[in-house]
All heavy atoms as atom14 arrays in JSON, in Angstrom:
{
  "sequence": "AGERCVSTTNRNFVGRMGHVESEVYLASPAIAAASAVAGKIAGPDQ",
  "atom14_mask": [
    [1, 1, 1, 1, 1, 0, 0, 0, 0, 0, 0, 0, 0, 0],
    [1, 1, 1, 1, 0, 0, 0, 0, 0, 0, 0, 0, 0, 0],
    [1, 1, 1, 1, 1, 1, 1, 1, 1, 0, 0, 0, 0, 0],
    [1, 1, 1, 1, 1, 1, 1, 1, 1, 1, 1, 0, 0, 0],
    [1, 1, 1, 1, 1, 1, 0, 0, 0, 0, 0, 0, 0, 0],
    [1, 1, 1, 1, 1, 1, 1, 0, 0, 0, 0, 0, 0, 0],
    [1, 1, 1, 1, 1, 1, 0, 0, 0, 0, 0, 0, 0, 0],
    [1, 1, 1, 1, 1, 1, 1, 0, 0, 0, 0, 0, 0, 0],
    [1, 1, 1, 1, 1, 1, 1, 0, 0, 0, 0, 0, 0, 0],
    [1, 1, 1, 1, 1, 1, 1, 1, 0, 0, 0, 0, 0, 0],
    [1, 1, 1, 1, 1, 1, 1, 1, 1, 1, 1, 0, 0, 0],
    [1, 1, 1, 1, 1, 1, 1, 1, 0, 0, 0, 0, 0, 0],
    [1, 1, 1, 1, 1, 1, 1, 1, 1, 1, 1, 0, 0, 0],
    [1, 1, 1, 1, 1, 1, 1, 0, 0, 0, 0, 0, 0, 0],
    [1, 1, 1, 1, 0, 0, 0, 0, 0, 0, 0, 0, 0, 0],
    [1, 1, 1, 1, 1, 1, 1, 1, 1, 1, 1, 0, 0, 0],
    [1, 1, 1, 1, 1, 1, 1, 1, 0, 0, 0, 0, 0, 0],
    [1, 1, 1, 1, 0, 0, 0, 0, 0, 0, 0, 0, 0, 0],
    [1, 1, 1, 1, 1, 1, 1, 1, 1, 1, 0, 0, 0, 0],
    [1, 1, 1, 1, 1, 1, 1, 0, 0, 0, 0, 0, 0, 0],
    [1, 1, 1, 1, 1, 1, 1, 1, 1, 0, 0, 0, 0, 0],
    [1, 1, 1, 1, 1, 1, 0, 0, 0, 0, 0, 0, 0, 0],
    [1, 1, 1, 1, 1, 1, 1, 1, 1, 0, 0, 0, 0, 0],
    [1, 1, 1, 1, 1, 1, 1, 0, 0, 0, 0, 0, 0, 0],
    [1, 1, 1, 1, 1, 1, 1, 1, 1, 1, 1, 1, 0, 0],
    [1, 1, 1, 1, 1, 1, 1, 1, 0, 0, 0, 0, 0, 0],
    [1, 1, 1, 1, 1, 0, 0, 0, 0, 0, 0, 0, 0, 0],
    [1, 1, 1, 1, 1, 1, 0, 0, 0, 0, 0, 0, 0, 0],
    [1, 1, 1, 1, 1, 1, 1, 0, 0, 0, 0, 0, 0, 0],
    [1, 1, 1, 1, 1, 0, 0, 0, 0, 0, 0, 0, 0, 0],
    [1, 1, 1, 1, 1, 1, 1, 1, 0, 0, 0, 0, 0, 0],
    [1, 1, 1, 1, 1, 0, 0, 0, 0, 0, 0, 0, 0, 0],
    [1, 1, 1, 1, 1, 0, 0, 0, 0, 0, 0, 0, 0, 0],
    [1, 1, 1, 1, 1, 0, 0, 0, 0, 0, 0, 0, 0, 0],
    [1, 1, 1, 1, 1, 1, 0, 0, 0, 0, 0, 0, 0, 0],
    [1, 1, 1, 1, 1, 0, 0, 0, 0, 0, 0, 0, 0, 0],
    [1, 1, 1, 1, 1, 1, 1, 0, 0, 0, 0, 0, 0, 0],
    [1, 1, 1, 1, 1, 0, 0, 0, 0, 0, 0, 0, 0, 0],
    [1, 1, 1, 1, 0, 0, 0, 0, 0, 0, 0, 0, 0, 0],
    [1, 1, 1, 1, 1, 1, 1, 1, 1, 0, 0, 0, 0, 0],
    [1, 1, 1, 1, 1, 1, 1, 1, 0, 0, 0, 0, 0, 0],
    [1, 1, 1, 1, 1, 0, 0, 0, 0, 0, 0, 0, 0, 0],
    [1, 1, 1, 1, 0, 0, 0, 0, 0, 0, 0, 0, 0, 0],
    [1, 1, 1, 1, 1, 1, 1, 0, 0, 0, 0, 0, 0, 0],
    [1, 1, 1, 1, 1, 1, 1, 1, 0, 0, 0, 0, 0, 0],
    [1, 1, 1, 1, 1, 1, 1, 1, 1, 0, 0, 0, 0, 0]
  ],
  "atom14_positions": [
    [[20.27, -15.62, 26.53], [21.6, -15.65, 25.91], [21.57, -16.49, 24.64], [20.98, -17.58, 24.62], [22.62, -16.22, 26.9], [0.0, 0.0, 0.0], [0.0, 0.0, 0.0], [0.0, 0.0, 0.0], [0.0, 0.0, 0.0], [0.0, 0.0, 0.0], [0.0, 0.0, 0.0], [0.0, 0.0, 0.0], [0.0, 0.0, 0.0], [0.0, 0.0, 0.0]],
    [[22.15, -15.96, 23.59], [22.25, -16.69, 22.34], [21.05, -16.59, 21.43], [21.09, -17.07, 20.29], [0.0, 0.0, 0.0], [0.0, 0.0, 0.0], [0.0, 0.0, 0.0], [0.0, 0.0, 0.0], [0.0, 0.0, 0.0], [0.0, 0.0, 0.0], [0.0, 0.0, 0.0], [0.0, 0.0, 0.0], [0.0, 0.0, 0.0], [0.0, 0.0, 0.0]],
    [[19.95, -15.98, 21.89], [18.75, -15.89, 21.06], [18.83, -14.71, 20.1], [19.45, -13.68, 20.39], [17.5, -15.78, 21.94], [17.18, -17.06, 22.69], [15.8, -17.05, 23.29], [15.41, -16.05, 23.93], [15.08, -18.05, 23.11], [0.0, 0.0, 0.0], [0.0, 0.0, 0.0], [0.0, 0.0, 0.0], [0.0, 0.0, 0.0], [0.0, 0.0, 0.0]],
    [[18.15, -14.89, 18.98], [18.1, -13.86, 17.95], [16.65, -13.45, 17.71], [15.76, -14.29, 17.68], [18.7, -14.37, 16.64], [20.2, -14.61, 16.68], [20.63, -15.32, 15.41], [22.08, -15.41, 15.3], [22.71, -16.21, 14.46], [22.01, -17.01, 13.64], [24.03, -16.23, 14.4], [0.0, 0.0, 0.0], [0.0, 0.0, 0.0], [0.0, 0.0, 0.0]],
    [[16.47, -12.14, 17.5], [15.12, -11.62, 17.26], [15.11, -10.68, 16.06], [15.97, -9.79, 15.96], [14.63, -10.86, 18.5], [12.99, -10.1, 18.33], [0.0, 0.0, 0.0], [0.0, 0.0, 0.0], [0.0, 0.0, 0.0], [0.0, 0.0, 0.0], [0.0, 0.0, 0.0], [0.0, 0.0, 0.0], [0.0, 0.0, 0.0], [0.0, 0.0, 0.0]],
    [[14.17, -10.87, 15.17], [13.87, -9.87, 14.14], [12.78, -8.98, 14.69], [11.72, -9.47, 15.1], [13.42, -10.52, 12.82], [12.9, -9.45, 11.85], [14.58, -11.27, 12.18], [0.0, 0.0, 0.0], [0.0, 0.0, 0.0], [0.0, 0.0, 0.0], [0.0, 0.0, 0.0], [0.0, 0.0, 0.0], [0.0, 0.0, 0.0], [0.0, 0.0, 0.0]],
    [[13.05, -7.68, 14.73], [12.13, -6.77, 15.4], [11.88, -5.52, 14.57], [12.79, -5.02, 13.89], [12.72, -6.36, 16.77], [11.86, -5.47, 17.44], [0.0, 0.0, 0.0], [0.0, 0.0, 0.0], [0.0, 0.0, 0.0], [0.0, 0.0, 0.0], [0.0, 0.0, 0.0], [0.0, 0.0, 0.0], [0.0, 0.0, 0.0], [0.0, 0.0, 0.0]],
    [[10.67, -5.0, 14.64], [10.33, -3.76, 13.93], [10.6, -2.54, 14.81], [10.13, -1.45, 14.5], [8.86, -3.75, 13.49], [8.01, -3.68, 14.64], [8.52, -4.98, 12.66], [0.0, 0.0, 0.0], [0.0, 0.0, 0.0], [0.0, 0.0, 0.0], [0.0, 0.0, 0.0], [0.0, 0.0, 0.0], [0.0, 0.0, 0.0], [0.0, 0.0, 0.0]],
    [[11.33, -2.72, 15.9], [11.64, -1.62, 16.81], [12.76, -0.76, 16.22], [13.08, -0.85, 15.04], [12.01, -2.18, 18.19], [13.06, -3.16, 18.06], [10.79, -2.87, 18.83], [0.0, 0.0, 0.0], [0.0, 0.0, 0.0], [0.0, 0.0, 0.0], [0.0, 0.0, 0.0], [0.0, 0.0, 0.0], [0.0, 0.0, 0.0], [0.0, 0.0, 0.0]],
    [[13.37, 0.08, 17.04], [14.29, 1.09, 16.52], [15.74, 0.96, 16.95], [16.59, 1.69, 16.44], [13.78, 2.49, 16.88], [13.27, 2.56, 18.32], [13.96, 2.14, 19.24], [12.06, 3.07, 18.5], [0.0, 0.0, 0.0], [0.0, 0.0, 0.0], [0.0, 0.0, 0.0], [0.0, 0.0, 0.0], [0.0, 0.0, 0.0], [0.0, 0.0, 0.0]],
    [[16.03, 0.08, 17.9], [17.41, -0.03, 18.38], [17.79, -1.5, 18.55], [16.96, -2.31, 18.97], [17.59, 0.71, 19.72], [17.57, 2.2, 19.52], [17.79, 2.99, 20.79], [17.86, 4.4, 20.45], [17.53, 5.4, 21.26], [17.11, 5.13, 22.48], [17.64, 6.65, 20.87], [0.0, 0.0, 0.0], [0.0, 0.0, 0.0], [0.0, 0.0, 0.0]],
    [[19.05, -1.79, 18.26], [19.53, -3.16, 18.38], [20.89, -3.21, 19.08], [21.74, -4.01, 18.76], [19.6, -3.83, 17.01], [20.51, -3.09, 16.03], [20.91, -1.95, 16.26], [20.85, -3.74, 14.93], [0.0, 0.0, 0.0], [0.0, 0.0, 0.0], [0.0, 0.0, 0.0], [0.0, 0.0, 0.0], [0.0, 0.0, 0.0], [0.0, 0.0, 0.0]],
    [[21.06, -2.3, 20.05], [22.31, -2.25, 20.81], [22.52, -3.55, 21.6], [21.58, -4.32, 21.81], [22.3, -1.07, 21.79], [22.01, 0.26, 21.15], [21.35, 1.25, 21.86], [22.39, 0.53, 19.84], [21.08, 2.48, 21.29], [22.13, 1.75, 19.25], [21.47, 2.74, 19.98], [0.0, 0.0, 0.0], [0.0, 0.0, 0.0], [0.0, 0.0, 0.0]],
    [[23.73, -3.74, 22.09], [24.04, -4.91, 22.91], [23.1, -4.93, 24.12], [23.0, -3.95, 24.87], [25.51, -4.87, 23.37], [25.78, -6.0, 24.36], [26.44, -4.99, 22.17], [0.0, 0.0, 0.0], [0.0, 0.0, 0.0], [0.0, 0.0, 0.0], [0.0, 0.0, 0.0], [0.0, 0.0, 0.0], [0.0, 0.0, 0.0], [0.0, 0.0, 0.0]],
    [[22.4, -6.03, 24.32], [21.51, -6.18, 25.46], [20.22, -5.39, 25.39], [19.48, -5.33, 26.37], [0.0, 0.0, 0.0], [0.0, 0.0, 0.0], [0.0, 0.0, 0.0], [0.0, 0.0, 0.0], [0.0, 0.0, 0.0], [0.0, 0.0, 0.0], [0.0, 0.0, 0.0], [0.0, 0.0, 0.0], [0.0, 0.0, 0.0], [0.0, 0.0, 0.0]],
    [[19.91, -4.83, 24.26], [18.73, -3.96, 24.14], [17.42, -4.69, 24.5], [16.55, -4.11, 25.15], [18.63, -3.41, 22.71], [17.36, -2.63, 22.4], [17.27, -1.33, 23.14], [16.07, -0.59, 22.78], [15.74, 0.6, 23.26], [16.53, 1.2, 24.12], [14.62, 1.19, 22.89], [0.0, 0.0, 0.0], [0.0, 0.0, 0.0], [0.0, 0.0, 0.0]],
    [[17.29, -5.96, 24.09], [16.05, -6.68, 24.34], [16.23, -7.82, 25.33], [15.38, -8.72, 25.4], [15.45, -7.21, 23.03], [14.93, -6.12, 22.12], [14.15, -6.73, 20.59], [12.63, -7.42, 21.26], [0.0, 0.0, 0.0], [0.0, 0.0, 0.0], [0.0, 0.0, 0.0], [0.0, 0.0, 0.0], [0.0, 0.0, 0.0], [0.0, 0.0, 0.0]],
    [[17.32, -7.78, 26.07], [17.52, -8.86, 27.04], [18.99, -9.12, 27.28], [19.78, -8.19, 27.48], [0.0, 0.0, 0.0], [0.0, 0.0, 0.0], [0.0, 0.0, 0.0], [0.0, 0.0, 0.0], [0.0, 0.0, 0.0], [0.0, 0.0, 0.0], [0.0, 0.0, 0.0], [0.0, 0.0, 0.0], [0.0, 0.0, 0.0], [0.0, 0.0, 0.0]],
    [[19.38, -10.36, 27.24], [20.74, -10.77, 27.57], [21.75, -10.11, 26.63], [21.48, -9.92, 25.44], [20.85, -12.29, 27.47], [22.02, -12.85, 28.2], [23.3, -12.81, 27.7], [22.11, -13.47, 29.41], [24.13, -13.38, 28.56], [23.43, -13.79, 29.61], [0.0, 0.0, 0.0], [0.0, 0.0, 0.0], [0.0, 0.0, 0.0], [0.0, 0.0, 0.0]],
    [[22.93, -9.78, 27.18], [23.96, -9.12, 26.38], [24.48, -10.02, 25.26], [25.11, -9.55, 24.31], [25.14, -8.64, 27.25], [24.7, -7.54, 28.19], [25.76, -9.8, 28.03], [0.0, 0.0, 0.0], [0.0, 0.0, 0.0], [0.0, 0.0, 0.0], [0.0, 0.0, 0.0], [0.0, 0.0, 0.0], [0.0, 0.0, 0.0], [0.0, 0.0, 0.0]],
    [[24.22, -11.32, 25.37], [24.64, -12.24, 24.32], [23.5, -12.58, 23.34], [23.62, -13.5, 22.54], [25.21, -13.52, 24.94], [26.49, -13.29, 25.72], [26.97, -14.54, 26.42], [26.46, -15.64, 26.13], [27.88, -14.42, 27.28], [0.0, 0.0, 0.0], [0.0, 0.0, 0.0], [0.0, 0.0, 0.0], [0.0, 0.0, 0.0], [0.0, 0.0, 0.0]],
    [[22.41, -11.83, 23.42], [21.33, -11.98, 22.43], [21.58, -11.0, 21.29], [22.43, -10.1, 21.38], [19.97, -11.72, 23.08], [19.88, -10.38, 23.55], [0.0, 0.0, 0.0], [0.0, 0.0, 0.0], [0.0, 0.0, 0.0], [0.0, 0.0, 0.0], [0.0, 0.0, 0.0], [0.0, 0.0, 0.0], [0.0, 0.0, 0.0], [0.0, 0.0, 0.0]],
    [[20.83, -11.17, 20.2], [21.0, -10.33, 19.03], [19.64, -9.85, 18.52], [18.66, -10.61, 18.51], [21.7, -11.09, 17.9], [23.13, -11.49, 18.23], [23.8, -12.25, 17.09], [23.09, -12.68, 16.14], [25.03, -12.41, 17.15], [0.0, 0.0, 0.0], [0.0, 0.0, 0.0], [0.0, 0.0, 0.0], [0.0, 0.0, 0.0], [0.0, 0.0, 0.0]],
    [[19.61, -8.59, 18.07], [18.39, -8.0, 17.51], [18.67, -7.52, 16.09], [19.66, -6.82, 15.84], [17.89, -6.81, 18.37], [16.65, -6.18, 17.76], [17.61, -7.27, 19.8], [0.0, 0.0, 0.0], [0.0, 0.0, 0.0], [0.0, 0.0, 0.0], [0.0, 0.0, 0.0], [0.0, 0.0, 0.0], [0.0, 0.0, 0.0], [0.0, 0.0, 0.0]],
    [[17.79, -7.9, 15.18], [17.87, -7.51, 13.78], [16.67, -6.63, 13.47], [15.52, -7.07, 13.6], [17.87, -8.75, 12.87], [19.06, -9.66, 13.08], [19.14, -10.49, 14.21], [20.11, -9.69, 12.16], [20.23, -11.32, 14.41], [21.21, -10.53, 12.35], [21.26, -11.34, 13.47], [22.35, -12.16, 13.68], [0.0, 0.0, 0.0], [0.0, 0.0, 0.0]],
    [[16.9, -5.39, 13.07], [15.81, -4.46, 12.82], [15.32, -4.59, 11.39], [16.12, -4.68, 10.44], [16.27, -3.02, 13.06], [16.84, -2.72, 14.45], [17.29, -1.25, 14.52], [15.83, -3.02, 15.54], [0.0, 0.0, 0.0], [0.0, 0.0, 0.0], [0.0, 0.0, 0.0], [0.0, 0.0, 0.0], [0.0, 0.0, 0.0], [0.0, 0.0, 0.0]],
    [[14.0, -4.58, 11.21], [13.42, -4.75, 9.88], [12.01, -4.16, 9.86], [11.48, -3.72, 10.88], [13.4, -6.22, 9.5], [0.0, 0.0, 0.0], [0.0, 0.0, 0.0], [0.0, 0.0, 0.0], [0.0, 0.0, 0.0], [0.0, 0.0, 0.0], [0.0, 0.0, 0.0], [0.0, 0.0, 0.0], [0.0, 0.0, 0.0], [0.0, 0.0, 0.0]],
    [[11.41, -4.17, 8.69], [10.03, -3.7, 8.5], [9.05, -4.78, 8.93], [9.42, -5.95, 9.09], [9.8, -3.38, 7.02], [9.8, -4.59, 6.27], [0.0, 0.0, 0.0], [0.0, 0.0, 0.0], [0.0, 0.0, 0.0], [0.0, 0.0, 0.0], [0.0, 0.0, 0.0], [0.0, 0.0, 0.0], [0.0, 0.0, 0.0], [0.0, 0.0, 0.0]],
    [[7.77, -4.43, 9.09], [6.76, -5.44, 9.39], [6.69, -6.55, 8.34], [6.44, -7.71, 8.69], [5.46, -4.64, 9.45], [5.89, -3.27, 9.87], [7.21, -3.06, 9.18], [0.0, 0.0, 0.0], [0.0, 0.0, 0.0], [0.0, 0.0, 0.0], [0.0, 0.0, 0.0], [0.0, 0.0, 0.0], [0.0, 0.0, 0.0], [0.0, 0.0, 0.0]],
    [[6.9, -6.23, 7.08], [6.84, -7.24, 6.02], [7.93, -8.28, 6.19], [7.68, -9.5, 6.13], [6.95, -6.59, 4.65], [0.0, 0.0, 0.0], [0.0, 0.0, 0.0], [0.0, 0.0, 0.0], [0.0, 0.0, 0.0], [0.0, 0.0, 0.0], [0.0, 0.0, 0.0], [0.0, 0.0, 0.0], [0.0, 0.0, 0.0], [0.0, 0.0, 0.0]],
    [[9.15, -7.82, 6.43], [10.28, -8.74, 6.61], [10.12, -9.51, 7.92], [10.38, -10.71, 7.99], [11.61, -7.98, 6.59], [11.78, -7.26, 5.26], [12.78, -8.92, 6.85], [11.7, -8.14, 4.04], [0.0, 0.0, 0.0], [0.0, 0.0, 0.0], [0.0, 0.0, 0.0], [0.0, 0.0, 0.0], [0.0, 0.0, 0.0], [0.0, 0.0, 0.0]],
    [[9.65, -8.82, 8.97], [9.47, -9.49, 10.26], [8.43, -10.6, 10.15], [8.63, -11.71, 10.65], [9.06, -8.47, 11.32], [0.0, 0.0, 0.0], [0.0, 0.0, 0.0], [0.0, 0.0, 0.0], [0.0, 0.0, 0.0], [0.0, 0.0, 0.0], [0.0, 0.0, 0.0], [0.0, 0.0, 0.0], [0.0, 0.0, 0.0], [0.0, 0.0, 0.0]],
    [[7.31, -10.33, 9.5], [6.24, -11.33, 9.37], [6.71, -12.51, 8.52], [6.45, -13.68, 8.87], [5.0, -10.69, 8.75], [0.0, 0.0, 0.0], [0.0, 0.0, 0.0], [0.0, 0.0, 0.0], [0.0, 0.0, 0.0], [0.0, 0.0, 0.0], [0.0, 0.0, 0.0], [0.0, 0.0, 0.0], [0.0, 0.0, 0.0], [0.0, 0.0, 0.0]],
    [[7.39, -12.23, 7.43], [7.89, -13.31, 6.58], [8.92, -14.15, 7.33], [8.94, -15.39, 7.22], [8.5, -12.73, 5.31], [0.0, 0.0, 0.0], [0.0, 0.0, 0.0], [0.0, 0.0, 0.0], [0.0, 0.0, 0.0], [0.0, 0.0, 0.0], [0.0, 0.0, 0.0], [0.0, 0.0, 0.0], [0.0, 0.0, 0.0], [0.0, 0.0, 0.0]],
    [[9.75, -13.49, 8.12], [10.76, -14.2, 8.9], [10.11, -15.08, 9.96], [10.61, -16.17, 10.28], [11.72, -13.2, 9.56], [12.39, -12.42, 8.58], [0.0, 0.0, 0.0], [0.0, 0.0, 0.0], [0.0, 0.0, 0.0], [0.0, 0.0, 0.0], [0.0, 0.0, 0.0], [0.0, 0.0, 0.0], [0.0, 0.0, 0.0], [0.0, 0.0, 0.0]],
    [[8.99, -14.61, 10.52], [8.28, -15.4, 11.53], [7.77, -16.71, 10.94], [7.72, -17.74, 11.62], [7.11, -14.6, 12.1], [0.0, 0.0, 0.0], [0.0, 0.0, 0.0], [0.0, 0.0, 0.0], [0.0, 0.0, 0.0], [0.0, 0.0, 0.0], [0.0, 0.0, 0.0], [0.0, 0.0, 0.0], [0.0, 0.0, 0.0], [0.0, 0.0, 0.0]],
    [[7.39, -16.69, 9.68], [6.91, -17.91, 9.01], [8.09, -18.81, 8.61], [8.06, -20.03, 8.8], [6.08, -17.54, 7.76], [5.71, -18.8, 6.97], [4.82, -16.78, 8.17], [0.0, 0.0, 0.0], [0.0, 0.0, 0.0], [0.0, 0.0, 0.0], [0.0, 0.0, 0.0], [0.0, 0.0, 0.0], [0.0, 0.0, 0.0], [0.0, 0.0, 0.0]],
    [[9.14, -18.18, 8.11], [10.27, -18.95, 7.6], [11.17, -19.5, 8.71], [11.88, -20.49, 8.49], [11.1, -18.08, 6.66], [0.0, 0.0, 0.0], [0.0, 0.0, 0.0], [0.0, 0.0, 0.0], [0.0, 0.0, 0.0], [0.0, 0.0, 0.0], [0.0, 0.0, 0.0], [0.0, 0.0, 0.0], [0.0, 0.0, 0.0], [0.0, 0.0, 0.0]],
    [[11.16, -18.87, 9.88], [12.05, -19.29, 10.96], [13.45, -18.73, 10.81], [14.36, -19.08, 11.57], [0.0, 0.0, 0.0], [0.0, 0.0, 0.0], [0.0, 0.0, 0.0], [0.0, 0.0, 0.0], [0.0, 0.0, 0.0], [0.0, 0.0, 0.0], [0.0, 0.0, 0.0], [0.0, 0.0, 0.0], [0.0, 0.0, 0.0], [0.0, 0.0, 0.0]],
    [[13.63, -17.86, 9.84], [14.91, -17.21, 9.58], [14.63, -15.91, 8.84], [13.5, -15.67, 8.39], [15.81, -18.11, 8.73], [15.23, -18.45, 7.36], [16.15, -19.38, 6.58], [15.56, -19.69, 5.2], [16.45, -20.58, 4.42], [0.0, 0.0, 0.0], [0.0, 0.0, 0.0], [0.0, 0.0, 0.0], [0.0, 0.0, 0.0], [0.0, 0.0, 0.0]],
    [[15.63, -15.07, 8.73], [15.43, -13.81, 8.02], [15.03, -14.11, 6.57], [15.72, -14.82, 5.85], [16.69, -12.94, 8.06], [16.95, -12.45, 9.5], [16.55, -11.75, 7.11], [18.21, -11.64, 9.66], [0.0, 0.0, 0.0], [0.0, 0.0, 0.0], [0.0, 0.0, 0.0], [0.0, 0.0, 0.0], [0.0, 0.0, 0.0], [0.0, 0.0, 0.0]],
    [[13.86, -13.56, 6.18], [13.33, -13.84, 4.84], [12.38, -12.72, 4.43], [11.84, -11.99, 5.28], [12.6, -15.17, 4.83], [0.0, 0.0, 0.0], [0.0, 0.0, 0.0], [0.0, 0.0, 0.0], [0.0, 0.0, 0.0], [0.0, 0.0, 0.0], [0.0, 0.0, 0.0], [0.0, 0.0, 0.0], [0.0, 0.0, 0.0], [0.0, 0.0, 0.0]],
    [[12.17, -12.59, 3.15], [11.2, -11.67, 2.62], [9.94, -12.39, 2.19], [9.94, -13.62, 2.02], [0.0, 0.0, 0.0], [0.0, 0.0, 0.0], [0.0, 0.0, 0.0], [0.0, 0.0, 0.0], [0.0, 0.0, 0.0], [0.0, 0.0, 0.0], [0.0, 0.0, 0.0], [0.0, 0.0, 0.0], [0.0, 0.0, 0.0], [0.0, 0.0, 0.0]],
    [[8.84, -11.67, 1.99], [7.58, -12.31, 1.58], [7.7, -13.13, 0.3], [7.03, -14.15, 0.14], [6.64, -11.11, 1.39], [7.2, -10.04, 2.27], [8.69, -10.22, 2.21], [0.0, 0.0, 0.0], [0.0, 0.0, 0.0], [0.0, 0.0, 0.0], [0.0, 0.0, 0.0], [0.0, 0.0, 0.0], [0.0, 0.0, 0.0], [0.0, 0.0, 0.0]],
    [[8.55, -12.69, -0.61], [8.7, -13.38, -1.88], [9.46, -14.71, -1.74], [9.53, -15.48, -2.69], [9.42, -12.48, -2.9], [8.61, -11.26, -3.25], [7.36, -11.31, -3.1], [9.21, -10.25, -3.66], [0.0, 0.0, 0.0], [0.0, 0.0, 0.0], [0.0, 0.0, 0.0], [0.0, 0.0, 0.0], [0.0, 0.0, 0.0], [0.0, 0.0, 0.0]],
    [[10.02, -14.95, -0.55], [10.78, -16.18, -0.32], [9.92, -17.26, 0.34], [10.4, -18.37, 0.56], [12.01, -15.89, 0.53], [13.01, -14.97, -0.14], [14.11, -14.5, 0.81], [13.95, -13.58, 1.58], [15.23, -15.18, 0.75], [0.0, 0.0, 0.0], [0.0, 0.0, 0.0], [0.0, 0.0, 0.0], [0.0, 0.0, 0.0], [0.0, 0.0, 0.0]]
  ]
}
């Protein structure tokens, strides 16, 4: 509950990856990898 995920998957419906109070943000591998380093949604150029 309350967790957020940037994912390269295809769906971000309520509860798609777990708790109904979690959130999924769909993106490309480039944005996902950059976000993993930044700790927040980010692009490689950031």
